[in-house]
Amino acid sequence: KRGVPVDPSSVTITKSKTNRYYASFVVESIPKTTESSGSIGIDLGLTHFATLSNGTKIDNPRYFIKYQKKLRRAQQNFSRKQKGSKNKSKAGHYVAKIHEKISNSRNDFIHKTTTDLVNKYKVIGIETLKPRNMVKNRNLSKAISDVAWGKFKETLLQKVVATTDSTLVFMDTF
């Protein structure tokens, strides 16, 4: 629907499990400069997705918890179907659509949040967490996985690198 700003060097077409097609274009990009100023520290959490050093709190959207009941019913329905039947494949397709909805919602939230932070602040400090180790806690593993701190840090780093005048600082917590 929308055009590509420059001629792509390559195009990759992928098909998701829900039969949606996605086109990825490889283009040469020019680093973007933003009118950011100041610095901010980010404390990641479960109650609030992030608390900024200026006191601003970003709410945790909890996408998996929001769709958990619907997903459970769809998976139960899927498991009841006879192996190899057309109805089982339809039920599996429906489960995949719910998973894709959760993933797309989470990615949209992360992209909007990181873009906002990079555009507002010149220096961004973020604590170094190891979600892989934290997920071993059986009581908090679902909430930690749902909040997607790793994806957030990865996306934030990519956007900081893409801009010429922003810096990302990783801080250890003590």
N, C-alpha and C. Protein backbone atom coordinates (compact mmCIF):
# COMPACT_ATOMS: atom_id res chain seq x y z
N LYS A 1 0.80 -1.19 0.00
CA LYS A 1 0.00 0.00 0.00
C LYS A 1 0.85 1.26 0.00
N ARG A 2 1.99 1.21 0.70
CA ARG A 2 2.83 2.40 0.69
C ARG A 2 4.13 2.07 -0.03
N GLY A 3 4.76 3.07 -0.56
CA GLY A 3 5.96 2.88 -1.36
C GLY A 3 7.21 2.73 -0.52
N VAL A 4 8.26 2.24 -1.17
CA VAL A 4 9.56 2.12 -0.54
C VAL A 4 10.35 3.38 -0.89
N PRO A 5 11.02 4.03 0.09
CA PRO A 5 11.68 5.30 -0.19
C PRO A 5 12.80 5.23 -1.22
N VAL A 6 13.55 4.12 -1.24
CA VAL A 6 14.61 3.93 -2.24
C VAL A 6 14.47 2.53 -2.82
N ASP A 7 15.20 2.27 -3.90
CA ASP A 7 15.12 0.94 -4.53
C ASP A 7 15.73 -0.11 -3.60
N PRO A 8 14.99 -1.20 -3.33
CA PRO A 8 15.53 -2.25 -2.45
C PRO A 8 16.58 -3.09 -3.15
N SER A 9 17.56 -3.57 -2.37
CA SER A 9 18.59 -4.44 -2.94
C SER A 9 18.10 -5.89 -2.98
N SER A 10 17.19 -6.25 -2.07
CA SER A 10 16.60 -7.59 -2.11
C SER A 10 15.25 -7.56 -1.39
N VAL A 11 14.44 -8.55 -1.71
CA VAL A 11 13.11 -8.68 -1.11
C VAL A 11 12.95 -10.12 -0.65
N THR A 12 12.43 -10.31 0.57
CA THR A 12 12.16 -11.64 1.09
C THR A 12 10.68 -11.73 1.41
N ILE A 13 10.03 -12.73 0.86
CA ILE A 13 8.61 -12.97 1.13
C ILE A 13 8.51 -14.14 2.10
N THR A 14 7.80 -13.95 3.21
CA THR A 14 7.60 -15.04 4.16
C THR A 14 6.11 -15.23 4.39
N LYS A 15 5.77 -16.46 4.75
CA LYS A 15 4.38 -16.80 5.02
C LYS A 15 4.29 -17.28 6.46
N SER A 16 3.37 -16.70 7.23
CA SER A 16 3.20 -17.10 8.62
C SER A 16 2.31 -18.33 8.70
N LYS A 17 2.21 -18.90 9.90
CA LYS A 17 1.36 -20.09 10.09
C LYS A 17 -0.11 -19.77 9.90
N THR A 18 -0.45 -18.49 9.95
CA THR A 18 -1.84 -18.09 9.78
C THR A 18 -2.14 -17.70 8.33
N ASN A 19 -1.25 -18.10 7.42
CA ASN A 19 -1.40 -17.85 5.98
C ASN A 19 -1.38 -16.38 5.61
N ARG A 20 -0.63 -15.59 6.36
CA ARG A 20 -0.41 -14.19 6.00
C ARG A 20 0.97 -14.07 5.38
N TYR A 21 1.08 -13.23 4.35
CA TYR A 21 2.35 -13.03 3.68
C TYR A 21 2.95 -11.70 4.12
N TYR A 22 4.26 -11.72 4.34
CA TYR A 22 4.99 -10.52 4.73
C TYR A 22 6.16 -10.33 3.77
N ALA A 23 6.38 -9.08 3.35
CA ALA A 23 7.50 -8.76 2.47
C ALA A 23 8.51 -7.93 3.26
N SER A 24 9.77 -8.37 3.24
CA SER A 24 10.85 -7.64 3.91
C SER A 24 11.78 -7.10 2.84
N PHE A 25 12.01 -5.79 2.86
CA PHE A 25 12.86 -5.13 1.88
C PHE A 25 14.18 -4.75 2.54
N VAL A 26 15.28 -4.97 1.84
CA VAL A 26 16.59 -4.54 2.31
C VAL A 26 16.93 -3.29 1.52
N VAL A 27 17.04 -2.16 2.26
CA VAL A 27 17.37 -0.88 1.63
C VAL A 27 18.50 -0.24 2.40
N GLU A 28 19.22 0.63 1.74
CA GLU A 28 20.27 1.40 2.40
C GLU A 28 19.59 2.57 3.11
N SER A 29 19.88 2.69 4.39
CA SER A 29 19.22 3.77 5.12
C SER A 29 20.23 4.82 5.55
N ILE A 30 19.74 6.01 5.69
CA ILE A 30 20.54 7.12 6.17
C ILE A 30 20.22 7.31 7.65
N PRO A 31 21.23 7.34 8.53
CA PRO A 31 20.93 7.53 9.96
C PRO A 31 20.12 8.80 10.18
N LYS A 32 19.13 8.68 11.00
CA LYS A 32 18.22 9.79 11.23
C LYS A 32 18.66 10.57 12.47
N THR A 33 18.59 11.86 12.39
CA THR A 33 18.90 12.68 13.56
C THR A 33 17.59 13.12 14.19
N THR A 34 17.57 13.10 15.49
CA THR A 34 16.37 13.50 16.20
C THR A 34 16.66 14.76 17.01
N GLU A 35 15.62 15.40 17.43
CA GLU A 35 15.77 16.60 18.23
C GLU A 35 15.64 16.24 19.70
N SER A 36 16.39 15.21 20.11
CA SER A 36 16.32 14.74 21.48
C SER A 36 17.25 15.55 22.36
N SER A 37 16.92 15.60 23.64
CA SER A 37 17.77 16.29 24.60
C SER A 37 17.59 15.63 25.95
N GLY A 38 18.57 15.80 26.82
CA GLY A 38 18.47 15.27 28.17
C GLY A 38 18.81 13.79 28.24
N SER A 39 18.73 13.28 29.46
CA SER A 39 19.02 11.86 29.67
C SER A 39 17.95 11.26 30.57
N ILE A 40 17.84 9.96 30.50
CA ILE A 40 16.81 9.26 31.26
C ILE A 40 17.34 7.89 31.67
N GLY A 41 16.91 7.42 32.81
CA GLY A 41 17.21 6.07 33.27
C GLY A 41 15.93 5.26 33.27
N ILE A 42 16.02 3.99 32.90
CA ILE A 42 14.84 3.14 32.81
C ILE A 42 14.99 1.97 33.78
N ASP A 43 14.00 1.79 34.64
CA ASP A 43 13.93 0.66 35.55
C ASP A 43 12.79 -0.23 35.09
N LEU A 44 13.10 -1.44 34.65
CA LEU A 44 12.09 -2.36 34.15
C LEU A 44 11.44 -3.10 35.32
N GLY A 45 10.15 -3.37 35.19
CA GLY A 45 9.44 -4.05 36.26
C GLY A 45 8.26 -4.84 35.75
N LEU A 46 7.54 -5.48 36.68
CA LEU A 46 6.37 -6.27 36.31
C LEU A 46 5.07 -5.52 36.55
N THR A 47 4.99 -4.78 37.66
CA THR A 47 3.77 -4.02 37.94
C THR A 47 3.60 -2.93 36.89
N HIS A 48 4.66 -2.17 36.68
CA HIS A 48 4.73 -1.19 35.60
C HIS A 48 5.80 -1.69 34.65
N PHE A 49 5.54 -1.60 33.36
CA PHE A 49 6.51 -2.08 32.37
C PHE A 49 7.86 -1.41 32.59
N ALA A 50 7.82 -0.09 32.76
CA ALA A 50 9.06 0.65 33.00
C ALA A 50 8.74 1.88 33.85
N THR A 51 9.69 2.21 34.70
CA THR A 51 9.61 3.44 35.47
C THR A 51 10.81 4.28 35.07
N LEU A 52 10.56 5.48 34.57
CA LEU A 52 11.63 6.36 34.13
C LEU A 52 12.16 7.16 35.31
N SER A 53 13.39 7.63 35.19
CA SER A 53 14.02 8.34 36.30
C SER A 53 13.36 9.68 36.59
N ASN A 54 12.55 10.19 35.68
CA ASN A 54 11.83 11.44 35.94
C ASN A 54 10.49 11.18 36.62
N GLY A 55 10.20 9.93 36.96
CA GLY A 55 8.97 9.58 37.67
C GLY A 55 7.85 9.07 36.80
N THR A 56 8.00 9.13 35.50
CA THR A 56 6.97 8.64 34.58
C THR A 56 6.91 7.11 34.64
N LYS A 57 5.70 6.58 34.71
CA LYS A 57 5.52 5.14 34.73
C LYS A 57 4.79 4.70 33.47
N ILE A 58 5.34 3.69 32.81
CA ILE A 58 4.72 3.13 31.61
C ILE A 58 4.03 1.85 32.05
N ASP A 59 2.73 1.78 31.85
CA ASP A 59 1.95 0.62 32.30
C ASP A 59 2.31 -0.63 31.51
N ASN A 60 2.20 -1.76 32.19
CA ASN A 60 2.44 -3.06 31.58
C ASN A 60 1.15 -3.52 30.90
N PRO A 61 1.14 -3.70 29.58
CA PRO A 61 -0.11 -4.05 28.88
C PRO A 61 -0.58 -5.48 29.13
N ARG A 62 0.30 -6.42 29.50
CA ARG A 62 -0.05 -7.81 29.83
C ARG A 62 -0.89 -8.47 28.73
N TYR A 63 -0.33 -8.55 27.53
CA TYR A 63 -1.07 -9.08 26.39
C TYR A 63 -1.38 -10.56 26.54
N PHE A 64 -0.43 -11.36 27.04
CA PHE A 64 -0.70 -12.79 27.17
C PHE A 64 -1.82 -13.05 28.17
N ILE A 65 -1.80 -12.34 29.29
CA ILE A 65 -2.83 -12.51 30.32
C ILE A 65 -4.20 -12.13 29.74
N LYS A 66 -4.21 -11.10 28.90
CA LYS A 66 -5.45 -10.62 28.28
C LYS A 66 -6.09 -11.69 27.39
N TYR A 67 -5.27 -12.44 26.65
CA TYR A 67 -5.78 -13.45 25.72
C TYR A 67 -5.69 -14.87 26.27
N GLN A 68 -5.29 -15.04 27.54
CA GLN A 68 -5.04 -16.36 28.09
C GLN A 68 -6.27 -17.26 28.09
N LYS A 69 -7.41 -16.74 28.48
CA LYS A 69 -8.62 -17.55 28.54
C LYS A 69 -9.04 -18.01 27.13
N LYS A 70 -8.98 -17.10 26.19
CA LYS A 70 -9.34 -17.42 24.80
C LYS A 70 -8.37 -18.47 24.22
N LEU A 71 -7.09 -18.31 24.53
CA LEU A 71 -6.09 -19.24 24.05
C LEU A 71 -6.27 -20.63 24.67
N ARG A 72 -6.57 -20.67 25.96
CA ARG A 72 -6.77 -21.96 26.63
C ARG A 72 -7.94 -22.72 26.01
N ARG A 73 -9.04 -22.02 25.77
CA ARG A 73 -10.22 -22.68 25.16
C ARG A 73 -9.90 -23.18 23.75
N ALA A 74 -9.17 -22.38 22.99
CA ALA A 74 -8.81 -22.78 21.63
C ALA A 74 -7.88 -24.00 21.64
N GLN A 75 -6.95 -24.04 22.59
CA GLN A 75 -6.04 -25.18 22.67
C GLN A 75 -6.77 -26.44 23.15
N GLN A 76 -7.73 -26.28 24.05
CA GLN A 76 -8.54 -27.42 24.47
C GLN A 76 -9.34 -27.97 23.29
N ASN A 77 -9.93 -27.05 22.54
CA ASN A 77 -10.70 -27.43 21.36
C ASN A 77 -9.80 -28.15 20.34
N PHE A 78 -8.60 -27.64 20.16
CA PHE A 78 -7.63 -28.26 19.24
C PHE A 78 -7.27 -29.67 19.68
N SER A 79 -7.05 -29.86 20.97
CA SER A 79 -6.62 -31.18 21.45
C SER A 79 -7.72 -32.22 21.38
N ARG A 80 -8.97 -31.81 21.33
CA ARG A 80 -10.09 -32.75 21.25
C ARG A 80 -10.34 -33.28 19.84
N LYS A 81 -9.80 -32.60 18.84
CA LYS A 81 -10.05 -33.00 17.45
C LYS A 81 -9.26 -34.25 17.07
N GLN A 82 -9.79 -34.97 16.13
CA GLN A 82 -9.16 -36.22 15.69
C GLN A 82 -7.93 -35.90 14.84
N LYS A 83 -6.86 -36.64 15.12
CA LYS A 83 -5.59 -36.42 14.45
C LYS A 83 -5.74 -36.60 12.94
N GLY A 84 -5.22 -35.62 12.18
CA GLY A 84 -5.26 -35.69 10.73
C GLY A 84 -6.53 -35.17 10.09
N SER A 85 -7.49 -34.72 10.88
CA SER A 85 -8.76 -34.27 10.31
C SER A 85 -8.68 -32.80 9.88
N LYS A 86 -9.61 -32.43 9.04
CA LYS A 86 -9.69 -31.05 8.57
C LYS A 86 -10.03 -30.11 9.73
N ASN A 87 -10.90 -30.56 10.63
CA ASN A 87 -11.28 -29.74 11.78
C ASN A 87 -10.10 -29.49 12.71
N LYS A 88 -9.19 -30.46 12.84
CA LYS A 88 -8.01 -30.26 13.68
C LYS A 88 -7.11 -29.20 13.07
N SER A 89 -6.95 -29.21 11.75
CA SER A 89 -6.11 -28.19 11.11
C SER A 89 -6.74 -26.80 11.24
N LYS A 90 -8.08 -26.72 11.17
CA LYS A 90 -8.76 -25.43 11.36
C LYS A 90 -8.57 -24.93 12.79
N ALA A 91 -8.70 -25.84 13.76
CA ALA A 91 -8.52 -25.46 15.16
C ALA A 91 -7.07 -25.03 15.42
N GLY A 92 -6.11 -25.72 14.79
CA GLY A 92 -4.70 -25.34 14.92
C GLY A 92 -4.43 -23.97 14.31
N HIS A 93 -5.10 -23.69 13.22
CA HIS A 93 -4.97 -22.38 12.57
C HIS A 93 -5.49 -21.28 13.50
N TYR A 94 -6.59 -21.55 14.20
CA TYR A 94 -7.17 -20.58 15.12
C TYR A 94 -6.24 -20.32 16.31
N VAL A 95 -5.60 -21.37 16.83
CA VAL A 95 -4.63 -21.22 17.92
C VAL A 95 -3.46 -20.37 17.45
N ALA A 96 -2.98 -20.62 16.25
CA ALA A 96 -1.87 -19.84 15.70
C ALA A 96 -2.25 -18.37 15.53
N LYS A 97 -3.50 -18.10 15.15
CA LYS A 97 -3.95 -16.71 15.00
C LYS A 97 -3.93 -15.98 16.34
N ILE A 98 -4.31 -16.67 17.41
CA ILE A 98 -4.29 -16.03 18.73
C ILE A 98 -2.86 -15.74 19.15
N HIS A 99 -1.96 -16.70 18.94
CA HIS A 99 -0.54 -16.47 19.26
C HIS A 99 0.03 -15.31 18.45
N GLU A 100 -0.34 -15.23 17.18
CA GLU A 100 0.15 -14.15 16.32
C GLU A 100 -0.41 -12.80 16.79
N LYS A 101 -1.65 -12.77 17.23
CA LYS A 101 -2.26 -11.54 17.75
C LYS A 101 -1.50 -11.05 18.98
N ILE A 102 -1.17 -11.97 19.89
CA ILE A 102 -0.42 -11.61 21.09
C ILE A 102 0.95 -11.06 20.70
N SER A 103 1.63 -11.75 19.81
CA SER A 103 2.96 -11.34 19.38
C SER A 103 2.95 -9.98 18.68
N ASN A 104 2.00 -9.78 17.78
CA ASN A 104 1.91 -8.51 17.06
C ASN A 104 1.57 -7.36 18.00
N SER A 105 0.69 -7.59 18.97
CA SER A 105 0.32 -6.55 19.93
C SER A 105 1.53 -6.16 20.77
N ARG A 106 2.27 -7.16 21.24
CA ARG A 106 3.46 -6.90 22.07
C ARG A 106 4.52 -6.15 21.27
N ASN A 107 4.76 -6.58 20.02
CA ASN A 107 5.76 -5.91 19.18
C ASN A 107 5.35 -4.47 18.88
N ASP A 108 4.08 -4.22 18.65
CA ASP A 108 3.59 -2.86 18.39
C ASP A 108 3.84 -1.97 19.60
N PHE A 109 3.53 -2.47 20.79
CA PHE A 109 3.76 -1.70 22.02
C PHE A 109 5.24 -1.39 22.20
N ILE A 110 6.09 -2.38 21.99
CA ILE A 110 7.53 -2.19 22.17
C ILE A 110 8.08 -1.18 21.16
N HIS A 111 7.66 -1.27 19.90
CA HIS A 111 8.14 -0.33 18.89
C HIS A 111 7.69 1.10 19.19
N LYS A 112 6.45 1.27 19.59
CA LYS A 112 5.96 2.61 19.89
C LYS A 112 6.68 3.20 21.10
N THR A 113 6.90 2.38 22.12
CA THR A 113 7.56 2.86 23.34
C THR A 113 9.02 3.22 23.07
N THR A 114 9.75 2.36 22.35
CA THR A 114 11.15 2.64 22.08
C THR A 114 11.33 3.84 21.16
N THR A 115 10.46 3.99 20.18
CA THR A 115 10.53 5.15 19.28
C THR A 115 10.32 6.44 20.07
N ASP A 116 9.36 6.43 20.97
CA ASP A 116 9.08 7.59 21.80
C ASP A 116 10.29 7.95 22.67
N LEU A 117 10.91 6.95 23.28
CA LEU A 117 12.06 7.20 24.15
C LEU A 117 13.26 7.73 23.37
N VAL A 118 13.55 7.14 22.21
CA VAL A 118 14.69 7.56 21.41
C VAL A 118 14.49 8.97 20.87
N ASN A 119 13.24 9.32 20.53
CA ASN A 119 12.98 10.66 20.01
C ASN A 119 13.05 11.73 21.10
N LYS A 120 12.78 11.36 22.35
CA LYS A 120 12.75 12.35 23.43
C LYS A 120 14.10 12.55 24.12
N TYR A 121 14.92 11.48 24.23
CA TYR A 121 16.11 11.55 25.08
C TYR A 121 17.37 11.24 24.30
N LYS A 122 18.43 12.00 24.63
CA LYS A 122 19.72 11.83 23.98
C LYS A 122 20.52 10.68 24.59
N VAL A 123 20.49 10.55 25.91
CA VAL A 123 21.19 9.47 26.60
C VAL A 123 20.15 8.64 27.36
N ILE A 124 20.16 7.34 27.13
CA ILE A 124 19.20 6.44 27.76
C ILE A 124 19.98 5.38 28.53
N GLY A 125 19.73 5.31 29.83
CA GLY A 125 20.35 4.30 30.67
C GLY A 125 19.33 3.23 31.01
N ILE A 126 19.71 1.97 30.90
CA ILE A 126 18.79 0.87 31.18
C ILE A 126 19.52 -0.18 32.00
N GLU A 127 18.80 -0.77 32.94
CA GLU A 127 19.44 -1.77 33.79
C GLU A 127 19.66 -3.06 33.02
N THR A 128 20.73 -3.75 33.38
CA THR A 128 21.02 -5.03 32.72
C THR A 128 20.36 -6.14 33.52
N LEU A 129 19.35 -6.73 32.93
CA LEU A 129 18.65 -7.86 33.53
C LEU A 129 18.92 -9.10 32.69
N LYS A 130 18.83 -10.26 33.31
CA LYS A 130 18.95 -11.52 32.58
C LYS A 130 17.64 -12.27 32.70
N PRO A 131 16.69 -11.97 31.78
CA PRO A 131 15.38 -12.61 31.85
C PRO A 131 15.45 -14.13 31.78
N ARG A 132 16.44 -14.67 31.07
CA ARG A 132 16.57 -16.11 30.94
C ARG A 132 16.75 -16.77 32.32
N ASN A 133 17.51 -16.12 33.19
CA ASN A 133 17.70 -16.66 34.53
C ASN A 133 16.47 -16.40 35.41
N MET A 134 15.81 -15.27 35.19
CA MET A 134 14.66 -14.91 36.00
C MET A 134 13.44 -15.80 35.71
N VAL A 135 13.35 -16.32 34.50
CA VAL A 135 12.22 -17.15 34.10
C VAL A 135 12.22 -18.50 34.84
N LYS A 136 13.34 -18.85 35.43
CA LYS A 136 13.43 -20.10 36.18
C LYS A 136 12.57 -20.08 37.44
N ASN A 137 12.17 -18.89 37.89
CA ASN A 137 11.28 -18.77 39.03
C ASN A 137 9.88 -19.15 38.57
N ARG A 138 9.35 -20.24 39.09
CA ARG A 138 8.07 -20.78 38.61
C ARG A 138 6.90 -19.84 38.88
N ASN A 139 7.00 -19.01 39.92
CA ASN A 139 5.90 -18.13 40.27
C ASN A 139 5.81 -16.90 39.36
N LEU A 140 6.94 -16.48 38.82
CA LEU A 140 6.95 -15.25 38.02
C LEU A 140 7.24 -15.48 36.54
N SER A 141 7.46 -16.72 36.12
CA SER A 141 7.93 -16.98 34.77
C SER A 141 6.96 -16.50 33.69
N LYS A 142 5.66 -16.69 33.91
CA LYS A 142 4.68 -16.26 32.90
C LYS A 142 4.66 -14.74 32.76
N ALA A 143 4.70 -14.04 33.90
CA ALA A 143 4.67 -12.57 33.88
C ALA A 143 5.96 -12.01 33.26
N ILE A 144 7.09 -12.62 33.55
CA ILE A 144 8.37 -12.15 33.00
C ILE A 144 8.41 -12.39 31.49
N SER A 145 7.93 -13.53 31.04
CA SER A 145 7.90 -13.81 29.61
C SER A 145 6.94 -12.86 28.89
N ASP A 146 5.82 -12.56 29.53
CA ASP A 146 4.80 -11.70 28.92
C ASP A 146 5.30 -10.27 28.74
N VAL A 147 6.14 -9.79 29.65
CA VAL A 147 6.59 -8.40 29.59
C VAL A 147 7.66 -8.18 28.51
N ALA A 148 8.40 -9.21 28.11
CA ALA A 148 9.34 -9.18 26.97
C ALA A 148 10.43 -8.12 27.13
N TRP A 149 11.17 -8.17 28.23
CA TRP A 149 12.25 -7.22 28.45
C TRP A 149 13.37 -7.38 27.43
N GLY A 150 13.69 -8.61 27.05
CA GLY A 150 14.76 -8.84 26.09
C GLY A 150 14.47 -8.21 24.75
N LYS A 151 13.26 -8.38 24.27
CA LYS A 151 12.85 -7.78 23.00
C LYS A 151 12.87 -6.25 23.09
N PHE A 152 12.46 -5.73 24.25
CA PHE A 152 12.47 -4.29 24.45
C PHE A 152 13.89 -3.73 24.37
N LYS A 153 14.84 -4.37 25.07
CA LYS A 153 16.22 -3.90 25.06
C LYS A 153 16.85 -4.03 23.68
N GLU A 154 16.55 -5.12 22.99
CA GLU A 154 17.08 -5.33 21.64
C GLU A 154 16.56 -4.26 20.67
N THR A 155 15.27 -3.98 20.73
CA THR A 155 14.66 -2.97 19.85
C THR A 155 15.18 -1.58 20.18
N LEU A 156 15.32 -1.29 21.47
CA LEU A 156 15.84 0.01 21.89
C LEU A 156 17.27 0.20 21.38
N LEU A 157 18.09 -0.84 21.48
CA LEU A 157 19.47 -0.76 21.00
C LEU A 157 19.51 -0.53 19.50
N GLN A 158 18.66 -1.22 18.74
CA GLN A 158 18.62 -1.04 17.28
C GLN A 158 18.25 0.39 16.91
N LYS A 159 17.29 0.96 17.63
CA LYS A 159 16.84 2.31 17.29
C LYS A 159 17.86 3.36 17.71
N VAL A 160 18.57 3.12 18.80
CA VAL A 160 19.62 4.05 19.22
C VAL A 160 20.76 4.03 18.22
N VAL A 161 21.12 2.85 17.74
CA VAL A 161 22.19 2.73 16.74
C VAL A 161 21.77 3.41 15.44
N ALA A 162 20.49 3.33 15.08
CA ALA A 162 20.00 3.91 13.83
C ALA A 162 20.01 5.44 13.87
N THR A 163 19.93 6.03 15.06
CA THR A 163 20.00 7.49 15.16
C THR A 163 21.44 7.88 15.44
N THR A 164 21.82 9.03 14.96
CA THR A 164 23.21 9.45 15.08
C THR A 164 23.51 10.14 16.41
N ASP A 165 22.50 10.69 17.06
CA ASP A 165 22.80 11.51 18.23
C ASP A 165 22.29 10.93 19.56
N SER A 166 21.95 9.64 19.60
CA SER A 166 21.50 9.02 20.85
C SER A 166 22.52 8.02 21.34
N THR A 167 22.53 7.81 22.66
CA THR A 167 23.45 6.87 23.27
C THR A 167 22.70 6.00 24.25
N LEU A 168 23.02 4.71 24.28
CA LEU A 168 22.39 3.78 25.22
C LEU A 168 23.46 3.31 26.19
N VAL A 169 23.14 3.38 27.49
CA VAL A 169 24.07 2.99 28.54
C VAL A 169 23.44 1.85 29.31
N PHE A 170 24.17 0.73 29.48
CA PHE A 170 23.69 -0.39 30.27
C PHE A 170 24.25 -0.26 31.68
N MET A 171 23.37 -0.32 32.67
CA MET A 171 23.79 -0.16 34.06
C MET A 171 23.55 -1.45 34.81
N ASP A 172 24.50 -1.85 35.65
CA ASP A 172 24.32 -3.01 36.52
C ASP A 172 23.55 -2.60 37.75
N THR A 173 22.66 -3.49 38.21
CA THR A 173 21.93 -3.21 39.43
C THR A 173 22.63 -3.90 40.59
N PHE A 174 22.64 -3.25 41.70
CA PHE A 174 23.30 -3.80 42.88
C PHE A 174 22.32 -4.02 43.99
